[in-house]
């Protein structure tokens, strides 16, 4: 019956990430970026206090140093200043969140999307497998683990959410991580359509 079908759908529905648990990142050097961020927040009922302007270059690819100084560092300080997370130090030397208000970061048009490869010393290159020599990355994948400090830059980091049959919003073991989404495109007009057409 229709009642049984609706009941089944309700029971299968997974918990969603609330608007108050979403932070929107935009490039404070680009008016189109901030305009899009505020537009998205209004459309999705995200608190304006959850918008984070980052003084980052107006380019798609940046260096690791630029990522550290204009995205990762300021974002960590913003989380701490606003008490969006609680940090702890593990026995093996990592500093990571044990509780976090923000579970989803949304990067809008204007936030760089790539981190360039940097040269590693020859002695390290000779000892490391070719996979372990890689240090280029997407900004979004780095943001996924930005709360975990002292992670190695060389080589891949396993995706802890891979094949997890649970909603991210309620997965306590994934607190150190955040989901990362992106509203982007060749132009701000196209990026805005992603919001309007969703």
C-alpha atoms as a PDB file:
ATOM      1  CA  UNK A   1       0.000   0.000   0.000  1.00  0.00           C
ATOM      2  CA  UNK A   2       0.976   3.644  -0.316  1.00  0.00           C
ATOM      3  CA  UNK A   3       1.300   4.022   3.462  1.00  0.00           C
ATOM      4  CA  UNK A   4       3.725   1.087   3.685  1.00  0.00           C
ATOM      5  CA  UNK A   5       5.761   2.457   0.779  1.00  0.00           C
ATOM      6  CA  UNK A   6       6.071   5.904   2.372  1.00  0.00           C
ATOM      7  CA  UNK A   7       7.004   4.343   5.728  1.00  0.00           C
ATOM      8  CA  UNK A   8       9.710   2.277   4.020  1.00  0.00           C
ATOM      9  CA  UNK A   9      11.141   5.340   2.301  1.00  0.00           C
ATOM     10  CA  UNK A  10      11.243   7.270   5.582  1.00  0.00           C
ATOM     11  CA  UNK A  11      13.045   4.416   7.334  1.00  0.00           C
ATOM     12  CA  UNK A  12      15.594   4.191   4.506  1.00  0.00           C
ATOM     13  CA  UNK A  13      16.273   7.927   4.454  1.00  0.00           C
ATOM     14  CA  UNK A  14      19.716   8.703   5.828  1.00  0.00           C
ATOM     15  CA  UNK A  15      20.377  11.611   8.189  1.00  0.00           C
ATOM     16  CA  UNK A  16      21.358  14.747   6.313  1.00  0.00           C
ATOM     17  CA  UNK A  17      24.001  17.302   7.116  1.00  0.00           C
ATOM     18  CA  UNK A  18      22.213  20.310   8.571  1.00  0.00           C
ATOM     19  CA  UNK A  19      22.821  23.802   7.065  1.00  0.00           C
ATOM     20  CA  UNK A  20      24.380  24.899  10.374  1.00  0.00           C
ATOM     21  CA  UNK A  21      27.060  22.212   9.864  1.00  0.00           C
ATOM     22  CA  UNK A  22      28.097  23.566   6.449  1.00  0.00           C
ATOM     23  CA  UNK A  23      30.844  26.140   5.878  1.00  0.00           C
ATOM     24  CA  UNK A  24      31.153  27.926   2.541  1.00  0.00           C
ATOM     25  CA  UNK A  25      34.635  28.955   1.368  1.00  0.00           C
ATOM     26  CA  UNK A  26      35.111  31.814  -1.082  1.00  0.00           C
ATOM     27  CA  UNK A  27      37.968  33.893  -2.479  1.00  0.00           C
ATOM     28  CA  UNK A  28      37.916  37.295  -0.767  1.00  0.00           C
ATOM     29  CA  UNK A  29      39.999  38.741  -3.646  1.00  0.00           C
ATOM     30  CA  UNK A  30      37.237  38.018  -6.159  1.00  0.00           C
ATOM     31  CA  UNK A  31      33.878  39.838  -5.907  1.00  0.00           C
ATOM     32  CA  UNK A  32      32.165  37.159  -8.039  1.00  0.00           C
ATOM     33  CA  UNK A  33      33.278  34.508  -5.559  1.00  0.00           C
ATOM     34  CA  UNK A  34      31.880  36.259  -2.483  1.00  0.00           C
ATOM     35  CA  UNK A  35      28.656  37.111  -4.310  1.00  0.00           C
ATOM     36  CA  UNK A  36      28.170  33.457  -5.252  1.00  0.00           C
ATOM     37  CA  UNK A  37      28.924  32.296  -1.700  1.00  0.00           C
ATOM     38  CA  UNK A  38      26.300  34.606  -0.187  1.00  0.00           C
ATOM     39  CA  UNK A  39      23.795  33.591  -2.856  1.00  0.00           C
ATOM     40  CA  UNK A  40      24.339  29.897  -2.151  1.00  0.00           C
ATOM     41  CA  UNK A  41      24.072  30.413   1.609  1.00  0.00           C
ATOM     42  CA  UNK A  42      20.755  32.236   1.211  1.00  0.00           C
ATOM     43  CA  UNK A  43      19.371  29.546  -1.097  1.00  0.00           C
ATOM     44  CA  UNK A  44      20.339  26.712   1.268  1.00  0.00           C
ATOM     45  CA  UNK A  45      19.587  28.490   4.581  1.00  0.00           C
ATOM     46  CA  UNK A  46      23.230  28.330   5.659  1.00  0.00           C
ATOM     47  CA  UNK A  47      24.052  30.845   8.430  1.00  0.00           C
ATOM     48  CA  UNK A  48      26.039  33.811   7.126  1.00  0.00           C
ATOM     49  CA  UNK A  49      28.438  33.276  10.038  1.00  0.00           C
ATOM     50  CA  UNK A  50      29.458  30.061   8.255  1.00  0.00           C
ATOM     51  CA  UNK A  51      30.857  31.898   5.244  1.00  0.00           C
ATOM     52  CA  UNK A  52      34.665  32.014   5.216  1.00  0.00           C
ATOM     53  CA  UNK A  53      36.530  34.425   2.947  1.00  0.00           C
ATOM     54  CA  UNK A  54      40.085  33.346   2.119  1.00  0.00           C
ATOM     55  CA  UNK A  55      42.765  35.720   0.807  1.00  0.00           C
ATOM     56  CA  UNK A  56      44.024  33.274  -1.814  1.00  0.00           C
ATOM     57  CA  UNK A  57      45.374  33.737  -5.385  1.00  0.00           C
ATOM     58  CA  UNK A  58      42.942  34.142  -8.295  1.00  0.00           C
ATOM     59  CA  UNK A  59      44.246  31.090 -10.121  1.00  0.00           C
ATOM     60  CA  UNK A  60      43.285  27.468 -10.508  1.00  0.00           C
ATOM     61  CA  UNK A  61      46.591  25.949  -9.390  1.00  0.00           C
ATOM     62  CA  UNK A  62      48.695  27.143  -6.465  1.00  0.00           C
ATOM     63  CA  UNK A  63      51.898  26.025  -4.779  1.00  0.00           C
ATOM     64  CA  UNK A  64      51.970  23.997  -1.575  1.00  0.00           C
ATOM     65  CA  UNK A  65      53.255  27.075   0.255  1.00  0.00           C
ATOM     66  CA  UNK A  66      50.345  29.143  -1.036  1.00  0.00           C
ATOM     67  CA  UNK A  67      47.882  26.460   0.008  1.00  0.00           C
ATOM     68  CA  UNK A  68      49.362  26.335   3.513  1.00  0.00           C
ATOM     69  CA  UNK A  69      49.443  30.115   3.987  1.00  0.00           C
ATOM     70  CA  UNK A  70      46.219  31.203   2.252  1.00  0.00           C
ATOM     71  CA  UNK A  71      43.826  28.269   2.704  1.00  0.00           C
ATOM     72  CA  UNK A  72      44.797  25.617   5.251  1.00  0.00           C
ATOM     73  CA  UNK A  73      46.382  27.876   7.883  1.00  0.00           C
ATOM     74  CA  UNK A  74      43.679  30.580   7.884  1.00  0.00           C
ATOM     75  CA  UNK A  75      40.928  27.946   7.848  1.00  0.00           C
ATOM     76  CA  UNK A  76      42.397  26.134  10.873  1.00  0.00           C
ATOM     77  CA  UNK A  77      42.641  29.434  12.748  1.00  0.00           C
ATOM     78  CA  UNK A  78      39.063  30.297  11.796  1.00  0.00           C
ATOM     79  CA  UNK A  79      37.802  26.970  13.144  1.00  0.00           C
ATOM     80  CA  UNK A  80      39.683  27.457  16.404  1.00  0.00           C
ATOM     81  CA  UNK A  81      38.666  31.114  16.821  1.00  0.00           C
ATOM     82  CA  UNK A  82      34.987  30.271  16.284  1.00  0.00           C
ATOM     83  CA  UNK A  83      35.213  27.140  18.442  1.00  0.00           C
ATOM     84  CA  UNK A  84      34.002  24.995  15.564  1.00  0.00           C
ATOM     85  CA  UNK A  85      36.151  22.070  16.734  1.00  0.00           C
ATOM     86  CA  UNK A  86      38.011  20.548  19.643  1.00  0.00           C
ATOM     87  CA  UNK A  87      41.575  19.417  18.989  1.00  0.00           C
ATOM     88  CA  UNK A  88      43.653  16.772  20.709  1.00  0.00           C
ATOM     89  CA  UNK A  89      47.149  15.364  20.279  1.00  0.00           C
ATOM     90  CA  UNK A  90      47.489  11.633  19.711  1.00  0.00           C
ATOM     91  CA  UNK A  91      50.242   9.418  21.106  1.00  0.00           C
ATOM     92  CA  UNK A  92      51.821   9.195  17.648  1.00  0.00           C
ATOM     93  CA  UNK A  93      52.125  12.971  17.316  1.00  0.00           C
ATOM     94  CA  UNK A  94      49.099  13.899  15.223  1.00  0.00           C
ATOM     95  CA  UNK A  95      46.867  16.828  16.191  1.00  0.00           C
ATOM     96  CA  UNK A  96      43.281  16.218  15.091  1.00  0.00           C
ATOM     97  CA  UNK A  97      39.668  17.119  15.865  1.00  0.00           C
ATOM     98  CA  UNK A  98      37.726  14.973  18.336  1.00  0.00           C
ATOM     99  CA  UNK A  99      34.582  17.038  17.812  1.00  0.00           C
ATOM    100  CA  UNK A 100      33.599  19.341  14.955  1.00  0.00           C
ATOM    101  CA  UNK A 101      30.562  21.509  14.318  1.00  0.00           C
ATOM    102  CA  UNK A 102      31.314  21.656  10.586  1.00  0.00           C
ATOM    103  CA  UNK A 103      30.890  18.416   8.626  1.00  0.00           C
ATOM    104  CA  UNK A 104      30.833  19.813   5.075  1.00  0.00           C
ATOM    105  CA  UNK A 105      32.995  22.413   3.337  1.00  0.00           C
ATOM    106  CA  UNK A 106      31.695  23.904   0.096  1.00  0.00           C
ATOM    107  CA  UNK A 107      34.261  25.625  -2.140  1.00  0.00           C
ATOM    108  CA  UNK A 108      32.716  28.096  -4.544  1.00  0.00           C
ATOM    109  CA  UNK A 109      33.986  29.607  -7.787  1.00  0.00           C
ATOM    110  CA  UNK A 110      37.273  31.399  -7.127  1.00  0.00           C
ATOM    111  CA  UNK A 111      38.808  28.947  -4.666  1.00  0.00           C
ATOM    112  CA  UNK A 112      41.858  27.276  -6.318  1.00  0.00           C
ATOM    113  CA  UNK A 113      41.342  23.625  -7.207  1.00  0.00           C
ATOM    114  CA  UNK A 114      44.869  22.250  -7.598  1.00  0.00           C
ATOM    115  CA  UNK A 115      48.189  22.132  -5.697  1.00  0.00           C
ATOM    116  CA  UNK A 116      51.327  21.866  -7.817  1.00  0.00           C
ATOM    117  CA  UNK A 117      53.976  19.188  -7.435  1.00  0.00           C
ATOM    118  CA  UNK A 118      57.092  20.411  -5.608  1.00  0.00           C
ATOM    119  CA  UNK A 119      60.584  19.023  -5.981  1.00  0.00           C
ATOM    120  CA  UNK A 120      61.816  16.609  -3.333  1.00  0.00           C
ATOM    121  CA  UNK A 121      65.519  16.067  -2.504  1.00  0.00           C
ATOM    122  CA  UNK A 122      67.344  13.535  -4.698  1.00  0.00           C
ATOM    123  CA  UNK A 123      68.223  11.311  -1.742  1.00  0.00           C
ATOM    124  CA  UNK A 124      64.525  10.990  -0.849  1.00  0.00           C
ATOM    125  CA  UNK A 125      63.575  10.456  -4.487  1.00  0.00           C
ATOM    126  CA  UNK A 126      66.060   7.586  -4.860  1.00  0.00           C
ATOM    127  CA  UNK A 127      64.688   5.805  -1.772  1.00  0.00           C
ATOM    128  CA  UNK A 128      60.975   6.292  -2.437  1.00  0.00           C
ATOM    129  CA  UNK A 129      58.703   4.384  -4.809  1.00  0.00           C
ATOM    130  CA  UNK A 130      57.392   6.553  -7.653  1.00  0.00           C
ATOM    131  CA  UNK A 131      53.929   6.627  -6.010  1.00  0.00           C
ATOM    132  CA  UNK A 132      55.464   7.922  -2.770  1.00  0.00           C
ATOM    133  CA  UNK A 133      57.168  10.743  -4.685  1.00  0.00           C
ATOM    134  CA  UNK A 134      53.855  12.334  -5.639  1.00  0.00           C
ATOM    135  CA  UNK A 135      52.869  15.433  -3.663  1.00  0.00           C
ATOM    136  CA  UNK A 136      50.615  17.272  -6.112  1.00  0.00           C
ATOM    137  CA  UNK A 137      46.999  17.220  -4.963  1.00  0.00           C
ATOM    138  CA  UNK A 138      43.548  18.639  -5.424  1.00  0.00           C
ATOM    139  CA  UNK A 139      42.638  21.374  -2.954  1.00  0.00           C
ATOM    140  CA  UNK A 140      39.409  19.532  -2.173  1.00  0.00           C
ATOM    141  CA  UNK A 141      41.166  16.294  -1.184  1.00  0.00           C
ATOM    142  CA  UNK A 142      43.563  18.212   1.073  1.00  0.00           C
ATOM    143  CA  UNK A 143      40.644  20.023   2.711  1.00  0.00           C
ATOM    144  CA  UNK A 144      39.076  16.642   3.454  1.00  0.00           C
ATOM    145  CA  UNK A 145      41.898  16.036   5.967  1.00  0.00           C
ATOM    146  CA  UNK A 146      42.868  19.649   6.784  1.00  0.00           C
ATOM    147  CA  UNK A 147      42.038  19.151  10.467  1.00  0.00           C
ATOM    148  CA  UNK A 148      44.680  16.445  10.856  1.00  0.00           C
ATOM    149  CA  UNK A 149      48.033  18.105  11.398  1.00  0.00           C
ATOM    150  CA  UNK A 150      51.465  16.600  10.614  1.00  0.00           C
ATOM    151  CA  UNK A 151      50.224  14.266   7.893  1.00  0.00           C
ATOM    152  CA  UNK A 152      52.950  13.268   5.386  1.00  0.00           C
ATOM    153  CA  UNK A 153      52.846  15.194   2.107  1.00  0.00           C
ATOM    154  CA  UNK A 154      54.376  12.442  -0.004  1.00  0.00           C
ATOM    155  CA  UNK A 155      52.210   9.674  -1.410  1.00  0.00           C
ATOM    156  CA  UNK A 156      48.517   8.831  -1.056  1.00  0.00           C
ATOM    157  CA  UNK A 157      46.363   8.954   2.078  1.00  0.00           C
ATOM    158  CA  UNK A 158      43.616   6.286   2.348  1.00  0.00           C
ATOM    159  CA  UNK A 159      39.997   7.436   2.094  1.00  0.00           C
ATOM    160  CA  UNK A 160      38.499   6.409   5.447  1.00  0.00           C
ATOM    161  CA  UNK A 161      34.936   6.835   4.157  1.00  0.00           C
ATOM    162  CA  UNK A 162      35.428   4.448   1.220  1.00  0.00           C
ATOM    163  CA  UNK A 163      32.838   1.628   1.276  1.00  0.00           C
ATOM    164  CA  UNK A 164      31.444   2.796   4.615  1.00  0.00           C
ATOM    165  CA  UNK A 165      27.765   1.862   4.626  1.00  0.00           C
ATOM    166  CA  UNK A 166      26.674   4.725   6.871  1.00  0.00           C
ATOM    167  CA  UNK A 167      25.661   8.350   6.665  1.00  0.00           C
ATOM    168  CA  UNK A 168      28.606  10.717   7.004  1.00  0.00           C
ATOM    169  CA  UNK A 169      26.541  12.993   9.249  1.00  0.00           C
ATOM    170  CA  UNK A 170      26.360  10.345  11.976  1.00  0.00           C
ATOM    171  CA  UNK A 171      29.681   8.539  11.483  1.00  0.00           C
ATOM    172  CA  UNK A 172      31.488   9.323  14.752  1.00  0.00           C
ATOM    173  CA  UNK A 173      34.706   7.631  13.667  1.00  0.00           C
ATOM    174  CA  UNK A 174      35.026  10.119  10.804  1.00  0.00           C
ATOM    175  CA  UNK A 175      35.056  13.266  12.972  1.00  0.00           C
ATOM    176  CA  UNK A 176      38.656  14.174  11.957  1.00  0.00           C
ATOM    177  CA  UNK A 177      37.472  14.380   8.334  1.00  0.00           C
ATOM    178  CA  UNK A 178      35.056  16.664   6.501  1.00  0.00           C
ATOM    179  CA  UNK A 179      33.138  16.171   3.285  1.00  0.00           C
ATOM    180  CA  UNK A 180      34.131  18.656   0.589  1.00  0.00           C
ATOM    181  CA  UNK A 181      31.935  19.874  -2.246  1.00  0.00           C
ATOM    182  CA  UNK A 182      32.533  22.397  -4.989  1.00  0.00           C
ATOM    183  CA  UNK A 183      30.345  24.838  -6.922  1.00  0.00           C
ATOM    184  CA  UNK A 184      32.533  25.818  -9.858  1.00  0.00           C
ATOM    185  CA  UNK A 185      32.701  26.211 -13.593  1.00  0.00           C
ATOM    186  CA  UNK A 186      34.286  28.198 -16.433  1.00  0.00           C
ATOM    187  CA  UNK A 187      32.401  31.309 -15.280  1.00  0.00           C
ATOM    188  CA  UNK A 188      30.437  32.524 -12.248  1.00  0.00           C
ATOM    189  CA  UNK A 189      27.265  32.460 -14.370  1.00  0.00           C
ATOM    190  CA  UNK A 190      27.666  28.729 -14.996  1.00  0.00           C
ATOM    191  CA  UNK A 191      28.546  28.132 -11.339  1.00  0.00           C
ATOM    192  CA  UNK A 192      25.367  29.966 -10.302  1.00  0.00           C
ATOM    193  CA  UNK A 193      23.318  27.700 -12.563  1.00  0.00           C
ATOM    194  CA  UNK A 194      24.582  24.700 -10.588  1.00  0.00           C
ATOM    195  CA  UNK A 195      22.834  26.227  -7.561  1.00  0.00           C
ATOM    196  CA  UNK A 196      19.652  27.190  -9.374  1.00  0.00           C
ATOM    197  CA  UNK A 197      19.260  23.905 -11.244  1.00  0.00           C
ATOM    198  CA  UNK A 198      19.957  21.593  -8.296  1.00  0.00           C
END
